[in-house]
Amino acid sequence: SDEAAQRVLAAAVASRTDADRDPVAAAVLRLLRGGAAVGSIAGALGMSQRQLHRRCLAAFGYGAKVLHRVLRFDLAVRLARSGSPFADVAYRVGYADQAHLAREVKALGGVPLTRLVRGSAEP
């Protein structure tokens, strides 16, 4: 179902992150959620881009850029479900426009945003 797709992505982030054992993973999440650009995170943590990529792969199963996409997707869906208009969601979460939001949701969630918001399993 649509909701299952969202839960899988959210669970992947949550279950792959043990901030108590990996302070770098916790810092990456904190920085991304705080609006830091992916390209600036390695420098902020005193490591190379390659080191950051390896650490993210180990902690999350994918690199920082994909993690950023997943976190942004999750926030967008939560805002949309709270009743925010999709154009406002796109702006607040940092998508270029509503069409960009729609493409990302479809790419990551497999279904249109309207279906995720409704929670409908129907095509």
N, C-alpha and C. Protein backbone atom coordinates (compact mmCIF):
# COMPACT_ATOMS: atom_id res chain seq x y z
N SER A 1 0.84 -1.19 0.00
CA SER A 1 0.00 0.00 0.00
C SER A 1 0.88 1.24 0.00
N ASP A 2 0.25 2.39 -0.23
CA ASP A 2 0.98 3.65 -0.28
C ASP A 2 1.61 3.98 1.08
N GLU A 3 0.84 3.77 2.11
CA GLU A 3 1.35 4.07 3.44
C GLU A 3 2.51 3.14 3.78
N ALA A 4 2.44 1.93 3.30
CA ALA A 4 3.53 0.98 3.54
C ALA A 4 4.82 1.45 2.90
N ALA A 5 4.74 2.04 1.70
CA ALA A 5 5.94 2.56 1.03
C ALA A 5 6.57 3.66 1.87
N GLN A 6 5.76 4.54 2.41
CA GLN A 6 6.30 5.61 3.24
C GLN A 6 6.90 5.05 4.53
N ARG A 7 6.23 4.09 5.13
CA ARG A 7 6.75 3.49 6.37
C ARG A 7 8.07 2.80 6.13
N VAL A 8 8.21 2.16 4.97
CA VAL A 8 9.46 1.47 4.64
C VAL A 8 10.61 2.46 4.58
N LEU A 9 10.40 3.59 3.91
CA LEU A 9 11.45 4.60 3.82
C LEU A 9 11.78 5.18 5.19
N ALA A 10 10.77 5.53 5.95
CA ALA A 10 11.01 6.10 7.27
C ALA A 10 11.70 5.09 8.18
N ALA A 11 11.26 3.84 8.12
CA ALA A 11 11.87 2.80 8.95
C ALA A 11 13.31 2.55 8.54
N ALA A 12 13.59 2.65 7.24
CA ALA A 12 14.95 2.45 6.78
C ALA A 12 15.88 3.47 7.40
N VAL A 13 15.45 4.71 7.46
CA VAL A 13 16.27 5.74 8.08
C VAL A 13 16.41 5.48 9.57
N ALA A 14 15.28 5.24 10.24
CA ALA A 14 15.31 5.06 11.69
C ALA A 14 16.08 3.82 12.11
N SER A 15 15.86 2.71 11.43
CA SER A 15 16.49 1.47 11.87
C SER A 15 17.96 1.40 11.51
N ARG A 16 18.39 2.14 10.51
CA ARG A 16 19.79 2.10 10.10
C ARG A 16 20.64 3.08 10.87
N THR A 17 20.04 3.86 11.76
CA THR A 17 20.77 4.89 12.47
C THR A 17 20.78 4.60 13.95
N ASP A 18 21.95 4.42 14.49
CA ASP A 18 22.09 4.27 15.93
C ASP A 18 23.00 5.39 16.40
N ALA A 19 22.39 6.54 16.70
CA ALA A 19 23.15 7.73 17.06
C ALA A 19 23.99 7.52 18.31
N ASP A 20 23.56 6.63 19.20
CA ASP A 20 24.35 6.39 20.40
C ASP A 20 25.69 5.75 20.08
N ARG A 21 25.72 4.93 19.04
CA ARG A 21 26.95 4.25 18.67
C ARG A 21 27.70 4.94 17.55
N ASP A 22 27.05 5.81 16.80
CA ASP A 22 27.70 6.47 15.68
C ASP A 22 27.41 7.96 15.71
N PRO A 23 28.27 8.72 16.38
CA PRO A 23 28.03 10.15 16.47
C PRO A 23 28.09 10.86 15.12
N VAL A 24 28.80 10.30 14.15
CA VAL A 24 28.84 10.91 12.82
C VAL A 24 27.46 10.79 12.17
N ALA A 25 26.83 9.63 12.30
CA ALA A 25 25.49 9.46 11.73
C ALA A 25 24.51 10.44 12.38
N ALA A 26 24.61 10.59 13.68
CA ALA A 26 23.74 11.53 14.38
C ALA A 26 23.99 12.96 13.90
N ALA A 27 25.25 13.31 13.69
CA ALA A 27 25.58 14.65 13.22
C ALA A 27 25.08 14.88 11.80
N VAL A 28 25.20 13.87 10.95
CA VAL A 28 24.71 13.99 9.57
C VAL A 28 23.20 14.25 9.59
N LEU A 29 22.47 13.47 10.36
CA LEU A 29 21.02 13.67 10.46
C LEU A 29 20.69 15.06 10.98
N ARG A 30 21.38 15.48 12.03
CA ARG A 30 21.13 16.79 12.63
C ARG A 30 21.38 17.90 11.61
N LEU A 31 22.50 17.81 10.89
CA LEU A 31 22.84 18.83 9.90
C LEU A 31 21.84 18.86 8.75
N LEU A 32 21.48 17.68 8.23
CA LEU A 32 20.52 17.63 7.13
C LEU A 32 19.16 18.17 7.55
N ARG A 33 18.71 17.76 8.72
CA ARG A 33 17.41 18.25 9.20
C ARG A 33 17.45 19.74 9.51
N GLY A 34 18.65 20.26 9.81
CA GLY A 34 18.80 21.68 10.07
C GLY A 34 18.95 22.52 8.81
N GLY A 35 18.93 21.87 7.66
CA GLY A 35 18.98 22.61 6.41
C GLY A 35 20.35 22.73 5.78
N ALA A 36 21.34 22.04 6.32
CA ALA A 36 22.69 22.12 5.74
C ALA A 36 22.70 21.49 4.35
N ALA A 37 23.48 22.07 3.48
CA ALA A 37 23.67 21.51 2.14
C ALA A 37 24.52 20.26 2.25
N VAL A 38 24.17 19.26 1.47
CA VAL A 38 24.89 17.99 1.52
C VAL A 38 26.39 18.21 1.27
N GLY A 39 26.71 19.09 0.34
CA GLY A 39 28.11 19.35 0.00
C GLY A 39 28.92 19.97 1.13
N SER A 40 28.26 20.59 2.09
CA SER A 40 28.98 21.25 3.18
C SER A 40 29.18 20.35 4.40
N ILE A 41 28.50 19.23 4.44
CA ILE A 41 28.50 18.39 5.64
C ILE A 41 29.87 17.77 5.91
N ALA A 42 30.53 17.27 4.87
CA ALA A 42 31.84 16.65 5.07
C ALA A 42 32.80 17.63 5.73
N GLY A 43 32.88 18.84 5.21
CA GLY A 43 33.76 19.85 5.79
C GLY A 43 33.38 20.20 7.22
N ALA A 44 32.08 20.29 7.47
CA ALA A 44 31.61 20.61 8.81
C ALA A 44 32.00 19.54 9.82
N LEU A 45 32.11 18.30 9.33
CA LEU A 45 32.48 17.18 10.21
C LEU A 45 33.96 16.86 10.15
N GLY A 46 34.72 17.63 9.38
CA GLY A 46 36.16 17.44 9.32
C GLY A 46 36.58 16.18 8.57
N MET A 47 35.86 15.85 7.52
CA MET A 47 36.22 14.66 6.75
C MET A 47 36.06 14.97 5.27
N SER A 48 36.59 14.07 4.45
CA SER A 48 36.46 14.24 3.01
C SER A 48 35.07 13.78 2.55
N GLN A 49 34.71 14.16 1.32
CA GLN A 49 33.44 13.73 0.76
C GLN A 49 33.38 12.20 0.69
N ARG A 50 34.49 11.60 0.32
CA ARG A 50 34.55 10.14 0.22
C ARG A 50 34.35 9.47 1.59
N GLN A 51 34.98 10.03 2.62
CA GLN A 51 34.80 9.48 3.97
C GLN A 51 33.34 9.61 4.41
N LEU A 52 32.75 10.76 4.13
CA LEU A 52 31.35 10.97 4.48
C LEU A 52 30.47 9.95 3.76
N HIS A 53 30.74 9.74 2.49
CA HIS A 53 29.94 8.77 1.73
C HIS A 53 30.05 7.38 2.34
N ARG A 54 31.27 6.96 2.68
CA ARG A 54 31.45 5.63 3.29
C ARG A 54 30.74 5.53 4.63
N ARG A 55 30.83 6.58 5.44
CA ARG A 55 30.17 6.55 6.75
C ARG A 55 28.65 6.49 6.60
N CYS A 56 28.12 7.24 5.64
CA CYS A 56 26.67 7.21 5.41
C CYS A 56 26.23 5.85 4.88
N LEU A 57 27.01 5.27 3.99
CA LEU A 57 26.68 3.93 3.49
C LEU A 57 26.60 2.94 4.64
N ALA A 58 27.56 3.02 5.54
CA ALA A 58 27.58 2.09 6.68
C ALA A 58 26.40 2.33 7.62
N ALA A 59 26.08 3.60 7.85
CA ALA A 59 25.03 3.92 8.83
C ALA A 59 23.62 3.82 8.28
N PHE A 60 23.43 4.20 7.02
CA PHE A 60 22.08 4.31 6.47
C PHE A 60 21.80 3.36 5.31
N GLY A 61 22.85 2.84 4.69
CA GLY A 61 22.65 1.98 3.53
C GLY A 61 22.73 2.72 2.21
N TYR A 62 22.89 4.03 2.28
CA TYR A 62 23.05 4.86 1.08
C TYR A 62 23.76 6.14 1.49
N GLY A 63 24.17 6.91 0.48
CA GLY A 63 24.94 8.12 0.73
C GLY A 63 24.11 9.28 1.27
N ALA A 64 24.81 10.36 1.58
CA ALA A 64 24.18 11.54 2.18
C ALA A 64 23.16 12.19 1.25
N LYS A 65 23.41 12.18 -0.06
CA LYS A 65 22.47 12.81 -0.98
C LYS A 65 21.14 12.05 -1.01
N VAL A 66 21.20 10.73 -1.03
CA VAL A 66 19.96 9.95 -1.00
C VAL A 66 19.28 10.12 0.35
N LEU A 67 20.05 10.13 1.42
CA LEU A 67 19.47 10.36 2.75
C LEU A 67 18.74 11.69 2.78
N HIS A 68 19.34 12.72 2.21
CA HIS A 68 18.69 14.03 2.15
C HIS A 68 17.37 13.94 1.40
N ARG A 69 17.34 13.23 0.28
CA ARG A 69 16.11 13.06 -0.49
C ARG A 69 15.04 12.36 0.34
N VAL A 70 15.43 11.31 1.06
CA VAL A 70 14.47 10.55 1.87
C VAL A 70 13.92 11.40 3.01
N LEU A 71 14.79 12.15 3.68
CA LEU A 71 14.33 12.99 4.78
C LEU A 71 13.39 14.09 4.28
N ARG A 72 13.73 14.68 3.13
CA ARG A 72 12.89 15.73 2.55
C ARG A 72 11.54 15.15 2.12
N PHE A 73 11.58 13.96 1.53
CA PHE A 73 10.35 13.25 1.14
C PHE A 73 9.46 13.04 2.37
N ASP A 74 10.04 12.53 3.44
CA ASP A 74 9.28 12.25 4.65
C ASP A 74 8.63 13.51 5.20
N LEU A 75 9.39 14.60 5.26
CA LEU A 75 8.85 15.86 5.76
C LEU A 75 7.73 16.37 4.85
N ALA A 76 7.93 16.28 3.54
CA ALA A 76 6.90 16.73 2.60
C ALA A 76 5.60 15.97 2.78
N VAL A 77 5.68 14.66 2.93
CA VAL A 77 4.47 13.86 3.10
C VAL A 77 3.78 14.21 4.41
N ARG A 78 4.55 14.38 5.46
CA ARG A 78 3.95 14.75 6.75
C ARG A 78 3.25 16.11 6.66
N LEU A 79 3.88 17.09 6.01
CA LEU A 79 3.25 18.41 5.87
C LEU A 79 1.99 18.32 5.02
N ALA A 80 2.05 17.56 3.93
CA ALA A 80 0.88 17.41 3.07
C ALA A 80 -0.26 16.74 3.82
N ARG A 81 0.06 15.75 4.63
CA ARG A 81 -0.97 15.07 5.41
C ARG A 81 -1.58 15.97 6.47
N SER A 82 -0.82 16.99 6.89
CA SER A 82 -1.36 17.92 7.90
C SER A 82 -2.30 18.94 7.27
N GLY A 83 -2.43 18.89 5.94
CA GLY A 83 -3.37 19.77 5.27
C GLY A 83 -2.74 20.92 4.51
N SER A 84 -1.42 21.03 4.53
CA SER A 84 -0.76 22.11 3.78
C SER A 84 -0.94 21.89 2.29
N PRO A 85 -1.23 22.97 1.55
CA PRO A 85 -1.31 22.84 0.09
C PRO A 85 0.02 22.37 -0.50
N PHE A 86 -0.05 21.56 -1.55
CA PHE A 86 1.16 20.97 -2.12
C PHE A 86 2.17 22.02 -2.56
N ALA A 87 1.72 23.14 -3.11
CA ALA A 87 2.65 24.19 -3.52
C ALA A 87 3.39 24.76 -2.31
N ASP A 88 2.70 24.92 -1.19
CA ASP A 88 3.34 25.39 0.03
C ASP A 88 4.33 24.36 0.56
N VAL A 89 3.94 23.10 0.51
CA VAL A 89 4.84 22.03 0.94
C VAL A 89 6.12 22.07 0.12
N ALA A 90 5.98 22.17 -1.19
CA ALA A 90 7.15 22.20 -2.07
C ALA A 90 8.08 23.34 -1.68
N TYR A 91 7.54 24.52 -1.46
CA TYR A 91 8.34 25.68 -1.09
C TYR A 91 9.00 25.50 0.27
N ARG A 92 8.23 25.08 1.26
CA ARG A 92 8.75 24.95 2.62
C ARG A 92 9.84 23.90 2.75
N VAL A 93 9.73 22.83 1.96
CA VAL A 93 10.67 21.71 2.08
C VAL A 93 11.89 21.88 1.17
N GLY A 94 11.80 22.81 0.23
CA GLY A 94 12.97 23.11 -0.59
C GLY A 94 12.98 22.53 -1.99
N TYR A 95 11.81 22.13 -2.47
CA TYR A 95 11.72 21.69 -3.86
C TYR A 95 11.64 22.93 -4.75
N ALA A 96 12.07 22.81 -5.99
CA ALA A 96 12.05 23.94 -6.92
C ALA A 96 10.62 24.42 -7.16
N ASP A 97 9.70 23.49 -7.25
CA ASP A 97 8.29 23.82 -7.47
C ASP A 97 7.46 22.58 -7.18
N GLN A 98 6.15 22.72 -7.36
CA GLN A 98 5.26 21.59 -7.06
C GLN A 98 5.51 20.41 -7.98
N ALA A 99 5.89 20.66 -9.22
CA ALA A 99 6.19 19.56 -10.15
C ALA A 99 7.41 18.77 -9.69
N HIS A 100 8.41 19.47 -9.16
CA HIS A 100 9.60 18.80 -8.62
C HIS A 100 9.20 17.92 -7.43
N LEU A 101 8.37 18.44 -6.56
CA LEU A 101 7.85 17.66 -5.43
C LEU A 101 7.15 16.41 -5.94
N ALA A 102 6.30 16.57 -6.93
CA ALA A 102 5.55 15.44 -7.46
C ALA A 102 6.47 14.37 -8.03
N ARG A 103 7.51 14.79 -8.77
CA ARG A 103 8.46 13.81 -9.34
C ARG A 103 9.23 13.07 -8.26
N GLU A 104 9.67 13.78 -7.24
CA GLU A 104 10.42 13.15 -6.16
C GLU A 104 9.57 12.17 -5.37
N VAL A 105 8.35 12.55 -5.07
CA VAL A 105 7.46 11.66 -4.33
C VAL A 105 7.20 10.40 -5.14
N LYS A 106 6.94 10.56 -6.40
CA LYS A 106 6.70 9.39 -7.28
C LYS A 106 7.95 8.52 -7.34
N ALA A 107 9.13 9.14 -7.46
CA ALA A 107 10.38 8.38 -7.55
C ALA A 107 10.68 7.62 -6.27
N LEU A 108 10.46 8.24 -5.13
CA LEU A 108 10.81 7.61 -3.85
C LEU A 108 9.67 6.77 -3.27
N GLY A 109 8.45 7.22 -3.43
CA GLY A 109 7.31 6.53 -2.83
C GLY A 109 6.59 5.59 -3.78
N GLY A 110 6.83 5.77 -5.08
CA GLY A 110 6.22 4.89 -6.06
C GLY A 110 4.80 5.24 -6.46
N VAL A 111 4.24 6.24 -5.80
CA VAL A 111 2.87 6.66 -6.09
C VAL A 111 2.79 8.18 -6.00
N PRO A 112 1.75 8.78 -6.58
CA PRO A 112 1.59 10.24 -6.47
C PRO A 112 1.34 10.68 -5.02
N LEU A 113 1.69 11.92 -4.75
CA LEU A 113 1.52 12.47 -3.41
C LEU A 113 0.07 12.42 -2.94
N THR A 114 -0.86 12.64 -3.83
CA THR A 114 -2.28 12.59 -3.43
C THR A 114 -2.64 11.23 -2.86
N ARG A 115 -2.08 10.17 -3.43
CA ARG A 115 -2.37 8.83 -2.90
C ARG A 115 -1.71 8.62 -1.54
N LEU A 116 -0.52 9.14 -1.35
CA LEU A 116 0.13 9.01 -0.03
C LEU A 116 -0.65 9.78 1.02
N VAL A 117 -1.12 10.95 0.65
CA VAL A 117 -1.86 11.78 1.61
C VAL A 117 -3.18 11.12 1.97
N ARG A 118 -3.86 10.59 0.97
CA ARG A 118 -5.14 9.90 1.22
C ARG A 118 -4.94 8.58 1.93
N GLY A 119 -3.78 7.95 1.71
CA GLY A 119 -3.54 6.63 2.29
C GLY A 119 -4.27 5.54 1.54
N SER A 120 -4.67 5.84 0.31
CA SER A 120 -5.44 4.89 -0.48
C SER A 120 -4.53 3.87 -1.13
N ALA A 121 -4.95 2.64 -1.15
CA ALA A 121 -4.21 1.58 -1.83
C ALA A 121 -4.75 1.35 -3.23
N GLU A 122 -5.79 2.09 -3.60
CA GLU A 122 -6.37 1.93 -4.93
C GLU A 122 -5.50 2.59 -5.98
N PRO A 123 -5.45 2.04 -7.21
CA PRO A 123 -4.67 2.69 -8.28
C PRO A 123 -5.26 4.01 -8.71
